């Protein structure tokens, strides 16, 4: 499914990685990246997603350390998707897929982690 909206954790003094990760995709699809949400304020992003339509497929690039909080804010259980509920620092090829019903409720049976197998040993 083709993304209709792109979000990235706001650039910080130490890292622009989330935005840089999806910037080529944004250019290829002609989509602007919404990078106004600080990784520590996952609830603000989730509130924005719930208050106005962003399409059926949304791609979010976030910093590893903030992903468990983002998953929780979206209604998912990080412990079910990540080892010990944390994103490993050395893992760069995972994608978490969350599906929601027409009322915005998470569908747990359609929630999964996909390994893109980008690195040796993945």
PDB file of N, CA and C in Angstrom:
ATOM      1  N   UNK A   1       0.846  -1.173   0.000  1.00  0.00           N
ATOM      2  CA  UNK A   1       0.000   0.000   0.000  1.00  0.00           C
ATOM      3  C   UNK A   1       0.895   1.242   0.000  1.00  0.00           C
ATOM      4  N   UNK A   2       0.558   2.198  -0.793  1.00  0.00           N
ATOM      5  CA  UNK A   2       1.343   3.422  -0.942  1.00  0.00           C
ATOM      6  C   UNK A   2       1.009   4.423   0.172  1.00  0.00           C
ATOM      7  N   UNK A   3       2.027   4.956   0.867  1.00  0.00           N
ATOM      8  CA  UNK A   3       1.755   5.953   1.911  1.00  0.00           C
ATOM      9  C   UNK A   3       1.091   7.206   1.344  1.00  0.00           C
ATOM     10  N   UNK A   4       0.165   7.736   2.117  1.00  0.00           N
ATOM     11  CA  UNK A   4      -0.513   8.976   1.751  1.00  0.00           C
ATOM     12  C   UNK A   4      -0.058  10.146   2.614  1.00  0.00           C
ATOM     13  N   UNK A   5       0.559   9.841   3.749  1.00  0.00           N
ATOM     14  CA  UNK A   5       1.091  10.862   4.653  1.00  0.00           C
ATOM     15  C   UNK A   5       2.387  10.347   5.252  1.00  0.00           C
ATOM     16  N   UNK A   6       3.347  11.275   5.415  1.00  0.00           N
ATOM     17  CA  UNK A   6       4.636  10.927   6.003  1.00  0.00           C
ATOM     18  C   UNK A   6       4.895  11.787   7.233  1.00  0.00           C
ATOM     19  N   UNK A   7       5.344  11.141   8.301  1.00  0.00           N
ATOM     20  CA  UNK A   7       5.696  11.831   9.536  1.00  0.00           C
ATOM     21  C   UNK A   7       7.080  11.379   9.957  1.00  0.00           C
ATOM     22  N   UNK A   8       7.853  12.298  10.505  1.00  0.00           N
ATOM     23  CA  UNK A   8       9.165  11.968  11.056  1.00  0.00           C
ATOM     24  C   UNK A   8       9.326  12.721  12.357  1.00  0.00           C
ATOM     25  N   UNK A   9      10.032  12.106  13.306  1.00  0.00           N
ATOM     26  CA  UNK A   9      10.344  12.807  14.545  1.00  0.00           C
ATOM     27  C   UNK A   9      11.074  14.093  14.185  1.00  0.00           C
ATOM     28  N   UNK A  10      10.795  15.151  14.921  1.00  0.00           N
ATOM     29  CA  UNK A  10      11.423  16.451  14.660  1.00  0.00           C
ATOM     30  C   UNK A  10      12.942  16.322  14.704  1.00  0.00           C
ATOM     31  N   UNK A  11      13.605  17.070  13.833  1.00  0.00           N
ATOM     32  CA  UNK A  11      15.068  17.114  13.855  1.00  0.00           C
ATOM     33  C   UNK A  11      15.525  17.593  15.233  1.00  0.00           C
ATOM     34  N   UNK A  12      16.623  17.027  15.706  1.00  0.00           N
ATOM     35  CA  UNK A  12      17.218  17.485  16.958  1.00  0.00           C
ATOM     36  C   UNK A  12      18.644  17.931  16.654  1.00  0.00           C
ATOM     37  N   UNK A  13      19.276  18.524  17.625  1.00  0.00           N
ATOM     38  CA  UNK A  13      20.669  18.954  17.432  1.00  0.00           C
ATOM     39  C   UNK A  13      21.570  17.761  17.148  1.00  0.00           C
ATOM     40  N   UNK A  14      21.226  16.605  17.698  1.00  0.00           N
ATOM     41  CA  UNK A  14      22.059  15.417  17.549  1.00  0.00           C
ATOM     42  C   UNK A  14      21.711  14.555  16.340  1.00  0.00           C
ATOM     43  N   UNK A  15      20.479  14.681  15.817  1.00  0.00           N
ATOM     44  CA  UNK A  15      20.075  13.742  14.769  1.00  0.00           C
ATOM     45  C   UNK A  15      18.954  14.274  13.880  1.00  0.00           C
ATOM     46  N   UNK A  16      19.127  14.034  12.595  1.00  0.00           N
ATOM     47  CA  UNK A  16      18.096  14.302  11.592  1.00  0.00           C
ATOM     48  C   UNK A  16      17.648  12.990  10.950  1.00  0.00           C
ATOM     49  N   UNK A  17      18.086  11.868  11.528  1.00  0.00           N
ATOM     50  CA  UNK A  17      17.914  10.548  10.920  1.00  0.00           C
ATOM     51  C   UNK A  17      16.477  10.196  10.543  1.00  0.00           C
ATOM     52  N   UNK A  18      15.466  10.392  11.392  1.00  0.00           N
ATOM     53  CA  UNK A  18      14.116   9.999  10.965  1.00  0.00           C
ATOM     54  C   UNK A  18      13.679  10.695   9.675  1.00  0.00           C
ATOM     55  N   UNK A  19      13.920  12.008   9.593  1.00  0.00           N
ATOM     56  CA  UNK A  19      13.547  12.740   8.379  1.00  0.00           C
ATOM     57  C   UNK A  19      14.374  12.271   7.191  1.00  0.00           C
ATOM     58  N   UNK A  20      15.686  12.122   7.393  1.00  0.00           N
ATOM     59  CA  UNK A  20      16.556  11.707   6.296  1.00  0.00           C
ATOM     60  C   UNK A  20      16.203  10.314   5.787  1.00  0.00           C
ATOM     61  N   UNK A  21      15.703   9.463   6.668  1.00  0.00           N
ATOM     62  CA  UNK A  21      15.328   8.104   6.275  1.00  0.00           C
ATOM     63  C   UNK A  21      14.203   8.100   5.244  1.00  0.00           C
ATOM     64  N   UNK A  22      13.212   8.975   5.426  1.00  0.00           N
ATOM     65  CA  UNK A  22      12.058   8.938   4.514  1.00  0.00           C
ATOM     66  C   UNK A  22      12.057  10.068   3.489  1.00  0.00           C
ATOM     67  N   UNK A  23      13.063  10.931   3.523  1.00  0.00           N
ATOM     68  CA  UNK A  23      13.110  12.046   2.570  1.00  0.00           C
ATOM     69  C   UNK A  23      13.113  11.586   1.108  1.00  0.00           C
ATOM     70  N   UNK A  24      13.917  10.580   0.729  1.00  0.00           N
ATOM     71  CA  UNK A  24      13.866  10.131  -0.672  1.00  0.00           C
ATOM     72  C   UNK A  24      12.479   9.621  -1.076  1.00  0.00           C
ATOM     73  N   UNK A  25      11.812   8.914  -0.181  1.00  0.00           N
ATOM     74  CA  UNK A  25      10.460   8.429  -0.476  1.00  0.00           C
ATOM     75  C   UNK A  25       9.506   9.601  -0.650  1.00  0.00           C
ATOM     76  N   UNK A  26       9.603  10.581   0.230  1.00  0.00           N
ATOM     77  CA  UNK A  26       8.753  11.759   0.123  1.00  0.00           C
ATOM     78  C   UNK A  26       8.918  12.456  -1.220  1.00  0.00           C
ATOM     79  N   UNK A  27      10.157  12.605  -1.652  1.00  0.00           N
ATOM     80  CA  UNK A  27      10.415  13.242  -2.955  1.00  0.00           C
ATOM     81  C   UNK A  27       9.841  12.405  -4.089  1.00  0.00           C
ATOM     82  N   UNK A  28      10.050  11.091  -4.025  1.00  0.00           N
ATOM     83  CA  UNK A  28       9.559  10.202  -5.093  1.00  0.00           C
ATOM     84  C   UNK A  28       8.038  10.214  -5.181  1.00  0.00           C
ATOM     85  N   UNK A  29       7.368  10.324  -4.031  1.00  0.00           N
ATOM     86  CA  UNK A  29       5.904  10.297  -4.014  1.00  0.00           C
ATOM     87  C   UNK A  29       5.276  11.687  -4.073  1.00  0.00           C
ATOM     88  N   UNK A  30       6.119  12.713  -3.999  1.00  0.00           N
ATOM     89  CA  UNK A  30       5.594  14.082  -4.000  1.00  0.00           C
ATOM     90  C   UNK A  30       4.861  14.423  -2.718  1.00  0.00           C
ATOM     91  N   UNK A  31       5.304  13.840  -1.593  1.00  0.00           N
ATOM     92  CA  UNK A  31       4.656  14.078  -0.303  1.00  0.00           C
ATOM     93  C   UNK A  31       5.564  14.886   0.617  1.00  0.00           C
ATOM     94  N   UNK A  32       4.975  15.817   1.334  1.00  0.00           N
ATOM     95  CA  UNK A  32       5.693  16.603   2.323  1.00  0.00           C
ATOM     96  C   UNK A  32       5.805  15.776   3.603  1.00  0.00           C
ATOM     97  N   UNK A  33       6.935  15.889   4.281  1.00  0.00           N
ATOM     98  CA  UNK A  33       7.137  15.197   5.549  1.00  0.00           C
ATOM     99  C   UNK A  33       6.742  16.140   6.677  1.00  0.00           C
ATOM    100  N   UNK A  34       5.855  15.676   7.528  1.00  0.00           N
ATOM    101  CA  UNK A  34       5.456  16.452   8.700  1.00  0.00           C
ATOM    102  C   UNK A  34       6.437  16.099   9.814  1.00  0.00           C
ATOM    103  N   UNK A  35       7.320  17.024  10.138  1.00  0.00           N
ATOM    104  CA  UNK A  35       8.351  16.778  11.133  1.00  0.00           C
ATOM    105  C   UNK A  35       8.244  17.689  12.338  1.00  0.00           C
ATOM    106  N   UNK A  36       7.045  18.068  12.705  1.00  0.00           N
ATOM    107  CA  UNK A  36       6.889  19.025  13.805  1.00  0.00           C
ATOM    108  C   UNK A  36       6.762  18.387  15.175  1.00  0.00           C
ATOM    109  N   UNK A  37       6.739  17.057  15.261  1.00  0.00           N
ATOM    110  CA  UNK A  37       6.510  16.394  16.540  1.00  0.00           C
ATOM    111  C   UNK A  37       7.806  15.863  17.137  1.00  0.00           C
ATOM    112  N   UNK A  38       8.107  16.309  18.342  1.00  0.00           N
ATOM    113  CA  UNK A  38       9.270  15.856  19.077  1.00  0.00           C
ATOM    114  C   UNK A  38       9.062  14.401  19.474  1.00  0.00           C
ATOM    115  N   UNK A  39      10.103  13.602  19.393  1.00  0.00           N
ATOM    116  CA  UNK A  39       9.984  12.163  19.696  1.00  0.00           C
ATOM    117  C   UNK A  39       9.496  11.880  21.110  1.00  0.00           C
ATOM    118  N   UNK A  40       9.694  12.816  22.023  1.00  0.00           N
ATOM    119  CA  UNK A  40       9.250  12.611  23.407  1.00  0.00           C
ATOM    120  C   UNK A  40       7.784  12.973  23.587  1.00  0.00           C
ATOM    121  N   UNK A  41       7.162  13.510  22.536  1.00  0.00           N
ATOM    122  CA  UNK A  41       5.768  13.928  22.612  1.00  0.00           C
ATOM    123  C   UNK A  41       4.903  13.104  21.658  1.00  0.00           C
ATOM    124  N   UNK A  42       5.021  11.787  21.768  1.00  0.00           N
ATOM    125  CA  UNK A  42       4.267  10.876  20.900  1.00  0.00           C
ATOM    126  C   UNK A  42       2.773  11.145  20.964  1.00  0.00           C
ATOM    127  N   UNK A  43       2.281  11.500  22.147  1.00  0.00           N
ATOM    128  CA  UNK A  43       0.845  11.754  22.301  1.00  0.00           C
ATOM    129  C   UNK A  43       0.374  12.893  21.405  1.00  0.00           C
ATOM    130  N   UNK A  44       1.225  13.894  21.184  1.00  0.00           N
ATOM    131  CA  UNK A  44       0.853  15.009  20.310  1.00  0.00           C
ATOM    132  C   UNK A  44       0.660  14.532  18.872  1.00  0.00           C
ATOM    133  N   UNK A  45       1.545  13.674  18.407  1.00  0.00           N
ATOM    134  CA  UNK A  45       1.402  13.113  17.061  1.00  0.00           C
ATOM    135  C   UNK A  45       0.119  12.298  16.961  1.00  0.00           C
ATOM    136  N   UNK A  46      -0.124  11.446  17.933  1.00  0.00           N
ATOM    137  CA  UNK A  46      -1.316  10.597  17.902  1.00  0.00           C
ATOM    138  C   UNK A  46      -2.581  11.456  17.930  1.00  0.00           C
ATOM    139  N   UNK A  47      -2.583  12.492  18.741  1.00  0.00           N
ATOM    140  CA  UNK A  47      -3.734  13.404  18.796  1.00  0.00           C
ATOM    141  C   UNK A  47      -3.969  14.048  17.421  1.00  0.00           C
ATOM    142  N   UNK A  48      -2.898  14.467  16.760  1.00  0.00           N
ATOM    143  CA  UNK A  48      -3.032  15.060  15.425  1.00  0.00           C
ATOM    144  C   UNK A  48      -3.568  14.041  14.419  1.00  0.00           C
ATOM    145  N   UNK A  49      -3.116  12.805  14.519  1.00  0.00           N
ATOM    146  CA  UNK A  49      -3.595  11.759  13.602  1.00  0.00           C
ATOM    147  C   UNK A  49      -5.084  11.492  13.794  1.00  0.00           C
ATOM    148  N   UNK A  50      -5.549  11.629  15.025  1.00  0.00           N
ATOM    149  CA  UNK A  50      -6.957  11.329  15.316  1.00  0.00           C
ATOM    150  C   UNK A  50      -7.888  12.505  15.061  1.00  0.00           C
ATOM    151  N   UNK A  51      -7.349  13.712  14.920  1.00  0.00           N
ATOM    152  CA  UNK A  51      -8.222  14.878  14.779  1.00  0.00           C
ATOM    153  C   UNK A  51      -8.487  15.278  13.333  1.00  0.00           C
ATOM    154  N   UNK A  52      -7.689  14.789  12.404  1.00  0.00           N
ATOM    155  CA  UNK A  52      -7.984  15.083  10.996  1.00  0.00           C
ATOM    156  C   UNK A  52      -7.489  13.947  10.118  1.00  0.00           C
ATOM    157  N   UNK A  53      -8.129  13.758   8.983  1.00  0.00           N
ATOM    158  CA  UNK A  53      -7.749  12.645   8.108  1.00  0.00           C
ATOM    159  C   UNK A  53      -6.351  12.819   7.509  1.00  0.00           C
ATOM    160  N   UNK A  54      -5.646  11.711   7.418  1.00  0.00           N
ATOM    161  CA  UNK A  54      -4.307  11.705   6.827  1.00  0.00           C
ATOM    162  C   UNK A  54      -4.176  10.602   5.785  1.00  0.00           C
ATOM    163  N   UNK A  55      -5.283  10.000   5.387  1.00  0.00           N
ATOM    164  CA  UNK A  55      -5.238   8.924   4.408  1.00  0.00           C
ATOM    165  C   UNK A  55      -5.285   7.564   5.084  1.00  0.00           C
ATOM    166  N   UNK A  56      -5.322   6.552   4.263  1.00  0.00           N
ATOM    167  CA  UNK A  56      -5.434   5.182   4.776  1.00  0.00           C
ATOM    168  C   UNK A  56      -4.094   4.575   5.157  1.00  0.00           C
ATOM    169  N   UNK A  57      -3.013   5.079   4.593  1.00  0.00           N
ATOM    170  CA  UNK A  57      -1.682   4.532   4.885  1.00  0.00           C
ATOM    171  C   UNK A  57      -0.766   5.678   5.300  1.00  0.00           C
ATOM    172  N   UNK A  58      -0.283   5.598   6.528  1.00  0.00           N
ATOM    173  CA  UNK A  58       0.576   6.628   7.093  1.00  0.00           C
ATOM    174  C   UNK A  58       1.901   5.981   7.449  1.00  0.00           C
ATOM    175  N   UNK A  59       3.006   6.616   7.075  1.00  0.00           N
ATOM    176  CA  UNK A  59       4.329   6.120   7.415  1.00  0.00           C
ATOM    177  C   UNK A  59       4.948   7.081   8.423  1.00  0.00           C
ATOM    178  N   UNK A  60       5.440   6.522   9.524  1.00  0.00           N
ATOM    179  CA  UNK A  60       6.065   7.316  10.575  1.00  0.00           C
ATOM    180  C   UNK A  60       7.491   6.817  10.765  1.00  0.00           C
ATOM    181  N   UNK A  61       8.463   7.720  10.679  1.00  0.00           N
ATOM    182  CA  UNK A  61       9.861   7.401  10.987  1.00  0.00           C
ATOM    183  C   UNK A  61      10.185   8.058  12.320  1.00  0.00           C
ATOM    184  N   UNK A  62      10.661   7.269  13.256  1.00  0.00           N
ATOM    185  CA  UNK A  62      10.867   7.742  14.634  1.00  0.00           C
ATOM    186  C   UNK A  62      12.227   7.286  15.106  1.00  0.00           C
ATOM    187  N   UNK A  63      12.732   7.841  16.168  1.00  0.00           N
ATOM    188  CA  UNK A  63      13.995   7.403  16.747  1.00  0.00           C
ATOM    189  C   UNK A  63      13.769   6.142  17.574  1.00  0.00           C
ATOM    190  N   UNK A  64      14.757   5.244  17.534  1.00  0.00           N
ATOM    191  CA  UNK A  64      14.628   3.947  18.208  1.00  0.00           C
ATOM    192  C   UNK A  64      14.122   4.065  19.642  1.00  0.00           C
ATOM    193  N   UNK A  65      14.723   4.915  20.427  1.00  0.00           N
ATOM    194  CA  UNK A  65      14.365   5.023  21.838  1.00  0.00           C
ATOM    195  C   UNK A  65      12.939   5.476  22.084  1.00  0.00           C
ATOM    196  N   UNK A  66      12.351   6.215  21.140  1.00  0.00           N
ATOM    197  CA  UNK A  66      10.993   6.715  21.294  1.00  0.00           C
ATOM    198  C   UNK A  66       9.914   5.819  20.728  1.00  0.00           C
ATOM    199  N   UNK A  67      10.308   4.777  20.009  1.00  0.00           N
ATOM    200  CA  UNK A  67       9.320   3.913  19.358  1.00  0.00           C
ATOM    201  C   UNK A  67       8.405   3.193  20.362  1.00  0.00           C
ATOM    202  N   UNK A  68       8.918   2.661  21.471  1.00  0.00           N
ATOM    203  CA  UNK A  68       7.984   2.028  22.422  1.00  0.00           C
ATOM    204  C   UNK A  68       6.896   2.994  22.910  1.00  0.00           C
ATOM    205  N   UNK A  69       7.251   4.225  23.216  1.00  0.00           N
ATOM    206  CA  UNK A  69       6.245   5.203  23.650  1.00  0.00           C
ATOM    207  C   UNK A  69       5.256   5.513  22.537  1.00  0.00           C
ATOM    208  N   UNK A  70       5.747   5.613  21.313  1.00  0.00           N
ATOM    209  CA  UNK A  70       4.856   5.868  20.180  1.00  0.00           C
ATOM    210  C   UNK A  70       3.886   4.704  19.999  1.00  0.00           C
ATOM    211  N   UNK A  71       4.393   3.481  20.079  1.00  0.00           N
ATOM    212  CA  UNK A  71       3.520   2.311  19.953  1.00  0.00           C
ATOM    213  C   UNK A  71       2.437   2.327  21.031  1.00  0.00           C
ATOM    214  N   UNK A  72       2.828   2.624  22.259  1.00  0.00           N
ATOM    215  CA  UNK A  72       1.851   2.702  23.357  1.00  0.00           C
ATOM    216  C   UNK A  72       0.814   3.777  23.089  1.00  0.00           C
ATOM    217  N   UNK A  73       1.262   4.937  22.630  1.00  0.00           N
ATOM    218  CA  UNK A  73       0.332   6.035  22.350  1.00  0.00           C
ATOM    219  C   UNK A  73      -0.657   5.660  21.255  1.00  0.00           C
ATOM    220  N   UNK A  74      -0.229   4.791  20.338  1.00  0.00           N
ATOM    221  CA  UNK A  74      -1.103   4.338  19.250  1.00  0.00           C
ATOM    222  C   UNK A  74      -1.984   3.160  19.677  1.00  0.00           C
ATOM    223  N   UNK A  75      -1.795   2.677  20.894  1.00  0.00           N
ATOM    224  CA  UNK A  75      -2.636   1.595  21.411  1.00  0.00           C
ATOM    225  C   UNK A  75      -2.025   0.212  21.307  1.00  0.00           C
ATOM    226  N   UNK A  76      -0.785   0.120  20.842  1.00  0.00           N
ATOM    227  CA  UNK A  76      -0.126  -1.182  20.707  1.00  0.00           C
ATOM    228  C   UNK A  76       0.712  -1.476  21.951  1.00  0.00           C
ATOM    229  N   UNK A  77       1.022  -2.744  22.156  1.00  0.00           N
ATOM    230  CA  UNK A  77       1.847  -3.165  23.280  1.00  0.00           C
ATOM    231  C   UNK A  77       3.276  -3.393  22.779  1.00  0.00           C
ATOM    232  N   UNK A  78       4.217  -2.501  23.147  1.00  0.00           N
ATOM    233  CA  UNK A  78       5.595  -2.665  22.684  1.00  0.00           C
ATOM    234  C   UNK A  78       6.196  -4.028  23.040  1.00  0.00           C
ATOM    235  N   UNK A  79       5.806  -4.590  24.174  1.00  0.00           N
ATOM    236  CA  UNK A  79       6.345  -5.891  24.588  1.00  0.00           C
ATOM    237  C   UNK A  79       5.933  -7.017  23.645  1.00  0.00           C
ATOM    238  N   UNK A  80       4.844  -6.833  22.921  1.00  0.00           N
ATOM    239  CA  UNK A  80       4.388  -7.852  21.969  1.00  0.00           C
ATOM    240  C   UNK A  80       5.107  -7.727  20.620  1.00  0.00           C
ATOM    241  N   UNK A  81       5.688  -6.571  20.356  1.00  0.00           N
ATOM    242  CA  UNK A  81       6.295  -6.311  19.045  1.00  0.00           C
ATOM    243  C   UNK A  81       7.818  -6.208  19.077  1.00  0.00           C
ATOM    244  N   UNK A  82       8.366  -5.897  20.248  1.00  0.00           N
ATOM    245  CA  UNK A  82       9.801  -5.646  20.358  1.00  0.00           C
ATOM    246  C   UNK A  82      10.400  -6.500  21.472  1.00  0.00           C
ATOM    247  N   UNK A  83      11.640  -6.948  21.301  1.00  0.00           N
ATOM    248  CA  UNK A  83      12.274  -7.729  22.361  1.00  0.00           C
ATOM    249  C   UNK A  83      12.383  -6.890  23.638  1.00  0.00           C
ATOM    250  N   UNK A  84      11.855  -7.433  24.727  1.00  0.00           N
ATOM    251  CA  UNK A  84      11.839  -6.745  26.016  1.00  0.00           C
ATOM    252  C   UNK A  84      11.191  -5.354  25.922  1.00  0.00           C
ATOM    253  N   UNK A  85      10.331  -5.160  24.918  1.00  0.00           N
ATOM    254  CA  UNK A  85       9.602  -3.906  24.756  1.00  0.00           C
ATOM    255  C   UNK A  85      10.439  -2.745  24.266  1.00  0.00           C
ATOM    256  N   UNK A  86      11.645  -3.029  23.756  1.00  0.00           N
ATOM    257  CA  UNK A  86      12.550  -1.962  23.296  1.00  0.00           C
ATOM    258  C   UNK A  86      13.043  -2.257  21.886  1.00  0.00           C
ATOM    259  N   UNK A  87      13.283  -1.200  21.137  1.00  0.00           N
ATOM    260  CA  UNK A  87      13.864  -1.349  19.805  1.00  0.00           C
ATOM    261  C   UNK A  87      15.374  -1.469  19.974  1.00  0.00           C
ATOM    262  N   UNK A  88      15.988  -2.553  19.519  1.00  0.00           N
ATOM    263  CA  UNK A  88      17.442  -2.702  19.658  1.00  0.00           C
ATOM    264  C   UNK A  88      18.200  -1.621  18.873  1.00  0.00           C
ATOM    265  N   UNK A  89      19.240  -1.079  19.489  1.00  0.00           N
ATOM    266  CA  UNK A  89      20.000   0.002  18.862  1.00  0.00           C
ATOM    267  C   UNK A  89      20.577  -0.371  17.507  1.00  0.00           C
ATOM    268  N   UNK A  90      20.992  -1.619  17.325  1.00  0.00           N
ATOM    269  CA  UNK A  90      21.670  -2.034  16.100  1.00  0.00           C
ATOM    270  C   UNK A  90      20.720  -2.528  15.010  1.00  0.00           C
ATOM    271  N   UNK A  91      19.427  -2.385  15.202  1.00  0.00           N
ATOM    272  CA  UNK A  91      18.458  -2.879  14.219  1.00  0.00           C
ATOM    273  C   UNK A  91      17.898  -1.700  13.419  1.00  0.00           C
ATOM    274  N   UNK A  92      18.043  -1.786  12.087  1.00  0.00           N
ATOM    275  CA  UNK A  92      17.601  -0.705  11.213  1.00  0.00           C
ATOM    276  C   UNK A  92      16.623  -1.180  10.143  1.00  0.00           C
ATOM    277  N   UNK A  93      16.342  -2.466  10.098  1.00  0.00           N
ATOM    278  CA  UNK A  93      15.525  -3.000   9.022  1.00  0.00           C
ATOM    279  C   UNK A  93      14.163  -3.519   9.431  1.00  0.00           C
ATOM    280  N   UNK A  94      13.637  -3.052  10.541  1.00  0.00           N
ATOM    281  CA  UNK A  94      12.301  -3.471  10.944  1.00  0.00           C
ATOM    282  C   UNK A  94      11.280  -2.404  10.606  1.00  0.00           C
ATOM    283  N   UNK A  95      10.084  -2.866  10.311  1.00  0.00           N
ATOM    284  CA  UNK A  95       8.931  -1.996  10.103  1.00  0.00           C
ATOM    285  C   UNK A  95       7.815  -2.564  10.981  1.00  0.00           C
ATOM    286  N   UNK A  96       7.158  -1.698  11.722  1.00  0.00           N
ATOM    287  CA  UNK A  96       6.012  -2.110  12.525  1.00  0.00           C
ATOM    288  C   UNK A  96       4.759  -1.700  11.759  1.00  0.00           C
ATOM    289  N   UNK A  97       3.875  -2.658  11.526  1.00  0.00           N
ATOM    290  CA  UNK A  97       2.623  -2.389  10.820  1.00  0.00           C
ATOM    291  C   UNK A  97       1.492  -2.428  11.840  1.00  0.00           C
ATOM    292  N   UNK A  98       0.768  -1.331  11.924  1.00  0.00           N
ATOM    293  CA  UNK A  98      -0.410  -1.254  12.786  1.00  0.00           C
ATOM    294  C   UNK A  98      -1.613  -0.999  11.900  1.00  0.00           C
ATOM    295  N   UNK A  99      -2.665  -1.747  12.103  1.00  0.00           N
ATOM    296  CA  UNK A  99      -3.907  -1.551  11.342  1.00  0.00           C
ATOM    297  C   UNK A  99      -4.993  -1.143  12.319  1.00  0.00           C
ATOM    298  N   UNK A 100      -5.847  -0.247  11.844  1.00  0.00           N
ATOM    299  CA  UNK A 100      -6.938   0.265  12.661  1.00  0.00           C
ATOM    300  C   UNK A 100      -8.255   0.064  11.933  1.00  0.00           C
ATOM    301  N   UNK A 101      -9.327  -0.132  12.691  1.00  0.00           N
ATOM    302  CA  UNK A 101     -10.633  -0.284  12.063  1.00  0.00           C
ATOM    303  C   UNK A 101     -11.194   1.091  11.702  1.00  0.00           C
ATOM    304  N   UNK A 102     -12.394   1.123  11.140  1.00  0.00           N
ATOM    305  CA  UNK A 102     -13.000   2.363  10.663  1.00  0.00           C
ATOM    306  C   UNK A 102     -13.309   3.346  11.794  1.00  0.00           C
ATOM    307  N   UNK A 103     -13.280   2.864  13.040  1.00  0.00           N
ATOM    308  CA  UNK A 103     -13.507   3.746  14.186  1.00  0.00           C
ATOM    309  C   UNK A 103     -12.206   4.138  14.880  1.00  0.00           C
ATOM    310  N   UNK A 104     -11.073   3.768  14.282  1.00  0.00           N
ATOM    311  CA  UNK A 104      -9.783   4.145  14.835  1.00  0.00           C
ATOM    312  C   UNK A 104      -9.247   3.236  15.922  1.00  0.00           C
ATOM    313  N   UNK A 105      -9.847   2.050  16.069  1.00  0.00           N
ATOM    314  CA  UNK A 105      -9.368   1.094  17.067  1.00  0.00           C
ATOM    315  C   UNK A 105      -8.332   0.171  16.447  1.00  0.00           C
ATOM    316  N   UNK A 106      -7.263  -0.067  17.189  1.00  0.00           N
ATOM    317  CA  UNK A 106      -6.208  -0.966  16.743  1.00  0.00           C
ATOM    318  C   UNK A 106      -6.763  -2.375  16.575  1.00  0.00           C
ATOM    319  N   UNK A 107      -6.350  -3.038  15.497  1.00  0.00           N
ATOM    320  CA  UNK A 107      -6.726  -4.432  15.251  1.00  0.00           C
ATOM    321  C   UNK A 107      -5.500  -5.283  15.611  1.00  0.00           C
ATOM    322  N   UNK A 108      -5.458  -5.814  16.827  1.00  0.00           N
ATOM    323  CA  UNK A 108      -4.263  -6.544  17.283  1.00  0.00           C
ATOM    324  C   UNK A 108      -3.855  -7.698  16.376  1.00  0.00           C
ATOM    325  N   UNK A 109      -4.809  -8.416  15.813  1.00  0.00           N
ATOM    326  CA  UNK A 109      -4.478  -9.567  14.970  1.00  0.00           C
ATOM    327  C   UNK A 109      -3.787  -9.154  13.668  1.00  0.00           C
ATOM    328  N   UNK A 110      -3.855  -7.884  13.300  1.00  0.00           N
ATOM    329  CA  UNK A 110      -3.215  -7.403  12.076  1.00  0.00           C
ATOM    330  C   UNK A 110      -2.015  -6.507  12.373  1.00  0.00           C
ATOM    331  N   UNK A 111      -1.542  -6.564  13.602  1.00  0.00           N
ATOM    332  CA  UNK A 111      -0.379  -5.800  14.021  1.00  0.00           C
ATOM    333  C   UNK A 111       0.828  -6.724  13.964  1.00  0.00           C
ATOM    334  N   UNK A 112       1.917  -6.263  13.338  1.00  0.00           N
ATOM    335  CA  UNK A 112       3.077  -7.148  13.205  1.00  0.00           C
ATOM    336  C   UNK A 112       4.368  -6.361  13.006  1.00  0.00           C
ATOM    337  N   UNK A 113       5.466  -7.058  13.218  1.00  0.00           N
ATOM    338  CA  UNK A 113       6.798  -6.518  12.931  1.00  0.00           C
ATOM    339  C   UNK A 113       7.319  -7.251  11.705  1.00  0.00           C
ATOM    340  N   UNK A 114       7.818  -6.497  10.756  1.00  0.00           N
ATOM    341  CA  UNK A 114       8.371  -7.068   9.530  1.00  0.00           C
ATOM    342  C   UNK A 114       9.866  -6.772   9.503  1.00  0.00           C
ATOM    343  N   UNK A 115      10.667  -7.768   9.182  1.00  0.00           N
ATOM    344  CA  UNK A 115      12.096  -7.558   8.995  1.00  0.00           C
ATOM    345  C   UNK A 115      12.358  -7.389   7.504  1.00  0.00           C
ATOM    346  N   UNK A 116      12.923  -6.260   7.163  1.00  0.00           N
ATOM    347  CA  UNK A 116      13.250  -5.987   5.756  1.00  0.00           C
ATOM    348  C   UNK A 116      14.553  -6.653   5.324  1.00  0.00           C
ATOM    349  N   UNK A 117      15.244  -7.270   6.288  1.00  0.00           N
ATOM    350  CA  UNK A 117      16.483  -7.996   6.019  1.00  0.00           C
ATOM    351  C   UNK A 117      17.502  -7.123   5.282  1.00  0.00           C
ATOM    352  N   UNK A 118      17.756  -5.965   5.853  1.00  0.00           N
ATOM    353  CA  UNK A 118      18.681  -5.002   5.251  1.00  0.00           C
ATOM    354  C   UNK A 118      20.135  -5.241   5.625  1.00  0.00           C
ATOM    355  N   UNK A 119      20.333  -5.901   6.775  1.00  0.00           N
ATOM    356  CA  UNK A 119      21.692  -6.086   7.275  1.00  0.00           C
ATOM    357  C   UNK A 119      22.011  -7.579   7.391  1.00  0.00           C
ATOM    358  N   UNK A 120      23.299  -7.939   7.313  1.00  0.00           N
ATOM    359  CA  UNK A 120      23.646  -9.342   7.527  1.00  0.00           C
ATOM    360  C   UNK A 120      23.164  -9.786   8.913  1.00  0.00           C
ATOM    361  N   UNK A 121      22.598 -10.959   8.984  1.00  0.00           N
ATOM    362  CA  UNK A 121      22.095 -11.486  10.250  1.00  0.00           C
ATOM    363  C   UNK A 121      20.642 -11.136  10.536  1.00  0.00           C
ATOM    364  N   UNK A 122      20.040 -10.266   9.723  1.00  0.00           N
ATOM    365  CA  UNK A 122      18.629  -9.909   9.915  1.00  0.00           C
ATOM    366  C   UNK A 122      17.736 -11.082   9.579  1.00  0.00           C
TER     367      UNK A 122
END
